[in-house]
Amino acid sequence: MITKKKELTYRGKTLKELQELEVREFAKYLQSRKRRTVLRNFQVLEDFVSRIKDKFEKGKKIRTHYRDLVVVPAMVGMKISVYDGHAFVPVDITLEMLGHKLGEFAPSRRRVQHGSAGVGATKGSKHKSKK
């Protein structure tokens, strides 16, 4: 039995069709909040996309502090390191990430890892030596 591999799409458009669109044309396919952000900051987004295309073609690493940029089709397939406030987290951009912000894939808060209780924190440790 031969099964066809399902081609991934975003809002009924294939990746090739989406990559042919400009940033402002792609904004029409986004949800309202993300569309509004893209249309207000489209100049910044277009400049960023053109810069990372050049770096990607030269094989250089792409690092950014822009956590609020919306992922557009031109970024798909790239590996972008997003700053989380402490370090740069590498993020592989895929088709499923379209319309999301870069910061969503680089969490800025770590999971809390509690250690053992300190001296005097509990009644049982109150009279232990403090060496």
N, C-alpha and C. Protein backbone atom coordinates (compact mmCIF):
# COMPACT_ATOMS: atom_id res chain seq x y z
N MET A 1 0.84 -1.17 0.00
CA MET A 1 0.00 0.00 0.00
C MET A 1 0.89 1.24 0.00
N ILE A 2 0.71 2.09 -0.98
CA ILE A 2 1.51 3.31 -1.11
C ILE A 2 0.70 4.48 -0.57
N THR A 3 1.33 5.21 0.35
CA THR A 3 0.66 6.39 0.90
C THR A 3 1.41 7.64 0.45
N LYS A 4 0.66 8.64 0.09
CA LYS A 4 1.28 9.89 -0.32
C LYS A 4 1.62 10.70 0.93
N LYS A 5 2.75 11.36 0.88
CA LYS A 5 3.15 12.21 1.99
C LYS A 5 2.37 13.52 1.89
N LYS A 6 1.71 13.86 2.98
CA LYS A 6 0.89 15.06 3.00
C LYS A 6 1.80 16.29 3.01
N GLU A 7 1.53 17.22 2.11
CA GLU A 7 2.33 18.45 2.04
C GLU A 7 1.81 19.44 3.07
N LEU A 8 2.74 20.00 3.82
CA LEU A 8 2.36 20.96 4.85
C LEU A 8 1.93 22.28 4.22
N THR A 9 0.87 22.85 4.77
CA THR A 9 0.37 24.13 4.27
C THR A 9 0.09 25.06 5.45
N TYR A 10 -0.03 26.34 5.15
CA TYR A 10 -0.43 27.34 6.14
C TYR A 10 -1.57 28.12 5.53
N ARG A 11 -2.73 27.99 6.13
CA ARG A 11 -3.95 28.65 5.63
C ARG A 11 -4.23 28.34 4.17
N GLY A 12 -3.96 27.09 3.77
CA GLY A 12 -4.25 26.66 2.40
C GLY A 12 -3.16 26.97 1.39
N LYS A 13 -2.08 27.57 1.80
CA LYS A 13 -0.98 27.91 0.89
C LYS A 13 0.23 27.04 1.21
N THR A 14 0.93 26.59 0.18
CA THR A 14 2.15 25.81 0.39
C THR A 14 3.30 26.75 0.74
N LEU A 15 4.39 26.17 1.18
CA LEU A 15 5.55 26.98 1.58
C LEU A 15 6.12 27.76 0.41
N LYS A 16 6.16 27.16 -0.77
CA LYS A 16 6.68 27.87 -1.95
C LYS A 16 5.83 29.08 -2.30
N GLU A 17 4.51 28.91 -2.22
CA GLU A 17 3.62 30.03 -2.51
C GLU A 17 3.78 31.15 -1.48
N LEU A 18 3.96 30.77 -0.22
CA LEU A 18 4.13 31.76 0.83
C LEU A 18 5.46 32.50 0.72
N GLN A 19 6.52 31.80 0.31
CA GLN A 19 7.83 32.43 0.20
C GLN A 19 7.89 33.43 -0.94
N GLU A 20 7.01 33.31 -1.91
CA GLU A 20 6.96 34.27 -3.01
C GLU A 20 6.30 35.59 -2.57
N LEU A 21 5.52 35.54 -1.49
CA LEU A 21 4.82 36.74 -1.01
C LEU A 21 5.78 37.66 -0.27
N GLU A 22 5.48 38.95 -0.31
CA GLU A 22 6.22 39.91 0.49
C GLU A 22 5.65 39.88 1.91
N VAL A 23 6.33 40.54 2.83
CA VAL A 23 5.93 40.53 4.24
C VAL A 23 4.52 41.10 4.42
N ARG A 24 4.23 42.20 3.75
CA ARG A 24 2.90 42.83 3.90
C ARG A 24 1.80 41.97 3.30
N GLU A 25 2.10 41.24 2.22
CA GLU A 25 1.10 40.36 1.63
C GLU A 25 0.86 39.15 2.52
N PHE A 26 1.93 38.65 3.16
CA PHE A 26 1.79 37.51 4.06
C PHE A 26 0.95 37.88 5.29
N ALA A 27 1.00 39.15 5.69
CA ALA A 27 0.26 39.60 6.87
C ALA A 27 -1.24 39.36 6.73
N LYS A 28 -1.75 39.30 5.52
CA LYS A 28 -3.18 39.07 5.29
C LYS A 28 -3.62 37.69 5.80
N TYR A 29 -2.68 36.75 5.90
CA TYR A 29 -3.00 35.39 6.32
C TYR A 29 -2.85 35.18 7.82
N LEU A 30 -2.40 36.21 8.54
CA LEU A 30 -2.18 36.08 9.98
C LEU A 30 -3.43 36.41 10.77
N GLN A 31 -3.43 36.04 12.04
CA GLN A 31 -4.51 36.42 12.94
C GLN A 31 -4.38 37.92 13.23
N SER A 32 -5.46 38.50 13.73
CA SER A 32 -5.54 39.95 13.82
C SER A 32 -4.42 40.60 14.62
N ARG A 33 -4.08 40.08 15.79
CA ARG A 33 -3.05 40.69 16.63
C ARG A 33 -1.70 40.66 15.94
N LYS A 34 -1.35 39.51 15.35
CA LYS A 34 -0.06 39.37 14.68
C LYS A 34 -0.03 40.20 13.39
N ARG A 35 -1.17 40.27 12.70
CA ARG A 35 -1.26 41.08 11.48
C ARG A 35 -1.00 42.54 11.80
N ARG A 36 -1.59 42.99 12.87
CA ARG A 36 -1.43 44.39 13.29
C ARG A 36 0.04 44.68 13.62
N THR A 37 0.70 43.76 14.33
CA THR A 37 2.12 43.95 14.66
C THR A 37 2.98 43.99 13.42
N VAL A 38 2.72 43.08 12.49
CA VAL A 38 3.52 43.02 11.26
C VAL A 38 3.31 44.29 10.43
N LEU A 39 2.09 44.73 10.29
CA LEU A 39 1.82 45.90 9.46
C LEU A 39 2.37 47.18 10.08
N ARG A 40 2.42 47.25 11.39
CA ARG A 40 2.98 48.43 12.05
C ARG A 40 4.50 48.45 11.96
N ASN A 41 5.14 47.28 12.02
CA ASN A 41 6.59 47.19 12.05
C ASN A 41 7.16 46.50 10.81
N PHE A 42 6.47 46.59 9.68
CA PHE A 42 6.91 45.83 8.51
C PHE A 42 8.28 46.26 8.02
N GLN A 43 8.65 47.52 8.21
CA GLN A 43 9.96 48.01 7.75
C GLN A 43 11.08 47.33 8.55
N VAL A 44 10.92 47.23 9.86
CA VAL A 44 11.91 46.56 10.71
C VAL A 44 12.01 45.09 10.33
N LEU A 45 10.86 44.46 10.11
CA LEU A 45 10.84 43.04 9.77
C LEU A 45 11.49 42.78 8.42
N GLU A 46 11.21 43.62 7.42
CA GLU A 46 11.81 43.45 6.10
C GLU A 46 13.32 43.66 6.16
N ASP A 47 13.78 44.64 6.92
CA ASP A 47 15.23 44.86 7.08
C ASP A 47 15.89 43.65 7.74
N PHE A 48 15.24 43.12 8.78
CA PHE A 48 15.78 41.95 9.48
C PHE A 48 15.86 40.75 8.54
N VAL A 49 14.81 40.52 7.77
CA VAL A 49 14.78 39.37 6.86
C VAL A 49 15.87 39.50 5.80
N SER A 50 16.06 40.70 5.26
CA SER A 50 17.10 40.88 4.23
C SER A 50 18.50 40.66 4.82
N ARG A 51 18.73 41.11 6.08
CA ARG A 51 20.03 40.91 6.72
C ARG A 51 20.30 39.44 7.00
N ILE A 52 19.28 38.71 7.49
CA ILE A 52 19.52 37.31 7.83
C ILE A 52 19.64 36.44 6.57
N LYS A 53 19.02 36.85 5.47
CA LYS A 53 19.19 36.10 4.21
C LYS A 53 20.64 36.16 3.76
N ASP A 54 21.24 37.35 3.86
CA ASP A 54 22.64 37.50 3.48
C ASP A 54 23.54 36.65 4.37
N LYS A 55 23.30 36.69 5.68
CA LYS A 55 24.11 35.90 6.61
C LYS A 55 23.92 34.41 6.38
N PHE A 56 22.67 34.01 6.12
CA PHE A 56 22.36 32.59 5.91
C PHE A 56 23.07 32.06 4.66
N GLU A 57 23.08 32.87 3.60
CA GLU A 57 23.74 32.45 2.35
C GLU A 57 25.25 32.34 2.53
N LYS A 58 25.83 33.18 3.39
CA LYS A 58 27.27 33.14 3.64
C LYS A 58 27.65 32.08 4.67
N GLY A 59 26.65 31.46 5.30
CA GLY A 59 26.91 30.41 6.28
C GLY A 59 27.25 30.92 7.66
N LYS A 60 26.94 32.18 7.94
CA LYS A 60 27.24 32.76 9.25
C LYS A 60 26.11 32.45 10.23
N LYS A 61 26.44 32.54 11.53
CA LYS A 61 25.42 32.35 12.56
C LYS A 61 24.53 33.58 12.63
N ILE A 62 23.26 33.35 12.89
CA ILE A 62 22.30 34.44 13.01
C ILE A 62 21.90 34.54 14.47
N ARG A 63 22.21 35.68 15.10
CA ARG A 63 21.87 35.92 16.50
C ARG A 63 21.06 37.21 16.59
N THR A 64 20.05 37.20 17.46
CA THR A 64 19.21 38.39 17.57
C THR A 64 18.65 38.56 18.98
N HIS A 65 18.37 39.81 19.32
CA HIS A 65 17.69 40.14 20.56
C HIS A 65 16.21 40.40 20.29
N TYR A 66 15.80 40.43 19.02
CA TYR A 66 14.41 40.69 18.66
C TYR A 66 13.54 39.49 19.03
N ARG A 67 12.88 39.56 20.17
CA ARG A 67 12.00 38.47 20.59
C ARG A 67 10.58 38.69 20.10
N ASP A 68 10.26 39.92 19.68
CA ASP A 68 8.89 40.25 19.31
C ASP A 68 8.63 40.21 17.81
N LEU A 69 9.58 39.74 17.03
CA LEU A 69 9.37 39.64 15.58
C LEU A 69 8.53 38.42 15.25
N VAL A 70 7.59 38.59 14.34
CA VAL A 70 6.72 37.50 13.90
C VAL A 70 7.47 36.68 12.85
N VAL A 71 7.38 35.36 12.95
CA VAL A 71 8.05 34.47 11.99
C VAL A 71 7.32 34.54 10.66
N VAL A 72 8.08 34.84 9.59
CA VAL A 72 7.52 34.94 8.24
C VAL A 72 8.12 33.83 7.37
N PRO A 73 7.53 33.53 6.22
CA PRO A 73 7.98 32.41 5.39
C PRO A 73 9.44 32.49 4.95
N ALA A 74 10.00 33.69 4.83
CA ALA A 74 11.39 33.82 4.41
C ALA A 74 12.36 33.24 5.44
N MET A 75 11.92 33.11 6.68
CA MET A 75 12.78 32.59 7.75
C MET A 75 12.76 31.07 7.85
N VAL A 76 11.82 30.41 7.20
CA VAL A 76 11.66 28.96 7.33
C VAL A 76 12.92 28.25 6.81
N GLY A 77 13.42 27.33 7.62
CA GLY A 77 14.61 26.57 7.26
C GLY A 77 15.88 27.14 7.86
N MET A 78 15.80 28.31 8.47
CA MET A 78 16.99 28.93 9.06
C MET A 78 17.11 28.54 10.52
N LYS A 79 18.32 28.70 11.04
CA LYS A 79 18.58 28.47 12.46
C LYS A 79 18.95 29.82 13.05
N ILE A 80 18.07 30.36 13.89
CA ILE A 80 18.26 31.68 14.47
C ILE A 80 18.44 31.52 15.98
N SER A 81 19.47 32.15 16.53
CA SER A 81 19.70 32.13 17.97
C SER A 81 19.03 33.36 18.57
N VAL A 82 18.08 33.12 19.47
CA VAL A 82 17.29 34.18 20.08
C VAL A 82 17.76 34.37 21.53
N TYR A 83 17.98 35.61 21.93
CA TYR A 83 18.46 35.91 23.27
C TYR A 83 17.33 35.77 24.28
N ASP A 84 17.58 35.02 25.37
CA ASP A 84 16.54 34.82 26.38
C ASP A 84 16.79 35.61 27.65
N GLY A 85 17.74 36.54 27.61
CA GLY A 85 18.07 37.34 28.78
C GLY A 85 19.32 36.84 29.47
N HIS A 86 19.73 35.63 29.14
CA HIS A 86 20.91 35.03 29.75
C HIS A 86 21.88 34.51 28.69
N ALA A 87 21.33 33.85 27.68
CA ALA A 87 22.15 33.26 26.62
C ALA A 87 21.34 33.22 25.33
N PHE A 88 22.00 32.88 24.23
CA PHE A 88 21.32 32.76 22.95
C PHE A 88 20.85 31.32 22.78
N VAL A 89 19.55 31.15 22.57
CA VAL A 89 18.95 29.83 22.41
C VAL A 89 18.76 29.55 20.92
N PRO A 90 19.39 28.50 20.36
CA PRO A 90 19.21 28.20 18.94
C PRO A 90 17.80 27.68 18.64
N VAL A 91 17.18 28.26 17.61
CA VAL A 91 15.82 27.89 17.23
C VAL A 91 15.81 27.56 15.74
N ASP A 92 15.39 26.33 15.39
CA ASP A 92 15.23 25.94 13.99
C ASP A 92 13.82 26.34 13.56
N ILE A 93 13.72 27.22 12.58
CA ILE A 93 12.42 27.73 12.14
C ILE A 93 11.78 26.72 11.18
N THR A 94 10.55 26.30 11.50
CA THR A 94 9.81 25.37 10.65
C THR A 94 8.50 26.02 10.20
N LEU A 95 7.78 25.33 9.34
CA LEU A 95 6.52 25.86 8.81
C LEU A 95 5.46 26.05 9.90
N GLU A 96 5.50 25.19 10.93
CA GLU A 96 4.51 25.28 12.00
C GLU A 96 4.68 26.55 12.84
N MET A 97 5.84 27.20 12.76
CA MET A 97 6.12 28.38 13.57
C MET A 97 5.63 29.67 12.92
N LEU A 98 5.13 29.61 11.70
CA LEU A 98 4.67 30.82 11.01
C LEU A 98 3.59 31.51 11.83
N GLY A 99 3.72 32.83 11.97
CA GLY A 99 2.74 33.60 12.70
C GLY A 99 3.02 33.72 14.19
N HIS A 100 3.98 32.95 14.70
CA HIS A 100 4.35 33.06 16.11
C HIS A 100 5.51 34.04 16.25
N LYS A 101 5.76 34.48 17.48
CA LYS A 101 6.87 35.38 17.72
C LYS A 101 8.12 34.58 18.09
N LEU A 102 9.30 35.13 17.78
CA LEU A 102 10.55 34.43 18.05
C LEU A 102 10.73 34.13 19.54
N GLY A 103 10.29 35.04 20.39
CA GLY A 103 10.46 34.87 21.82
C GLY A 103 9.71 33.69 22.40
N GLU A 104 8.69 33.20 21.70
CA GLU A 104 7.92 32.06 22.19
C GLU A 104 8.75 30.78 22.20
N PHE A 105 9.83 30.75 21.42
CA PHE A 105 10.63 29.54 21.29
C PHE A 105 11.92 29.60 22.09
N ALA A 106 12.11 30.71 22.83
CA ALA A 106 13.28 30.86 23.70
C ALA A 106 12.77 31.37 25.05
N PRO A 107 12.31 30.47 25.93
CA PRO A 107 11.74 30.91 27.20
C PRO A 107 12.74 31.70 28.03
N SER A 108 12.28 32.77 28.62
CA SER A 108 13.17 33.66 29.37
C SER A 108 13.23 33.29 30.85
N ARG A 109 12.38 32.41 31.29
CA ARG A 109 12.39 31.99 32.69
C ARG A 109 12.66 30.51 32.78
N ARG A 110 13.55 30.17 33.67
CA ARG A 110 13.90 28.76 33.89
C ARG A 110 12.89 28.13 34.85
N ARG A 111 12.86 26.81 34.83
CA ARG A 111 12.02 26.08 35.77
C ARG A 111 12.70 26.14 37.14
N VAL A 112 11.92 26.35 38.19
CA VAL A 112 12.48 26.47 39.53
C VAL A 112 12.95 25.10 40.01
N GLN A 113 14.20 25.04 40.47
CA GLN A 113 14.75 23.81 41.03
C GLN A 113 15.13 24.09 42.47
N HIS A 114 14.31 23.63 43.38
CA HIS A 114 14.54 23.90 44.79
C HIS A 114 15.62 22.97 45.33
N GLY A 115 16.50 23.52 46.15
CA GLY A 115 17.52 22.71 46.81
C GLY A 115 17.02 22.26 48.16
N SER A 116 17.94 21.83 48.99
CA SER A 116 17.55 21.42 50.34
C SER A 116 17.34 22.67 51.19
N ALA A 117 16.61 22.51 52.28
CA ALA A 117 16.31 23.64 53.16
C ALA A 117 17.58 24.10 53.85
N GLY A 118 17.69 25.39 54.08
CA GLY A 118 18.87 25.96 54.74
C GLY A 118 18.81 25.78 56.25
N VAL A 119 19.90 26.13 56.92
CA VAL A 119 19.98 26.02 58.37
C VAL A 119 19.01 27.01 58.99
N GLY A 120 18.17 26.50 59.89
CA GLY A 120 17.20 27.35 60.56
C GLY A 120 15.89 27.47 59.80
N ALA A 121 15.80 26.84 58.63
CA ALA A 121 14.57 26.93 57.83
C ALA A 121 13.47 26.06 58.41
N THR A 122 13.85 24.99 59.08
CA THR A 122 12.86 24.11 59.71
C THR A 122 13.20 23.99 61.19
N LYS A 123 12.25 23.52 61.98
CA LYS A 123 12.48 23.40 63.43
C LYS A 123 13.53 22.35 63.74
N GLY A 124 13.61 21.33 62.92
CA GLY A 124 14.58 20.27 63.15
C GLY A 124 16.01 20.70 62.91
N SER A 125 16.21 21.68 62.06
CA SER A 125 17.57 22.13 61.75
C SER A 125 17.98 23.35 62.58
N LYS A 126 17.16 23.71 63.51
CA LYS A 126 17.42 24.93 64.30
C LYS A 126 18.63 24.78 65.22
N HIS A 127 18.83 23.59 65.78
CA HIS A 127 19.88 23.39 66.77
C HIS A 127 21.10 22.66 66.19
N LYS A 128 21.15 22.50 64.90
CA LYS A 128 22.32 21.87 64.29
C LYS A 128 23.45 22.88 64.24
N SER A 129 24.66 22.36 64.14
CA SER A 129 25.82 23.27 64.08
C SER A 129 25.80 24.00 62.76
N LYS A 130 26.34 25.20 62.78
CA LYS A 130 26.29 26.04 61.58
C LYS A 130 27.62 26.02 60.85
N LYS A 131 28.37 24.92 60.95
CA LYS A 131 29.66 24.81 60.27
C LYS A 131 29.49 24.51 58.83
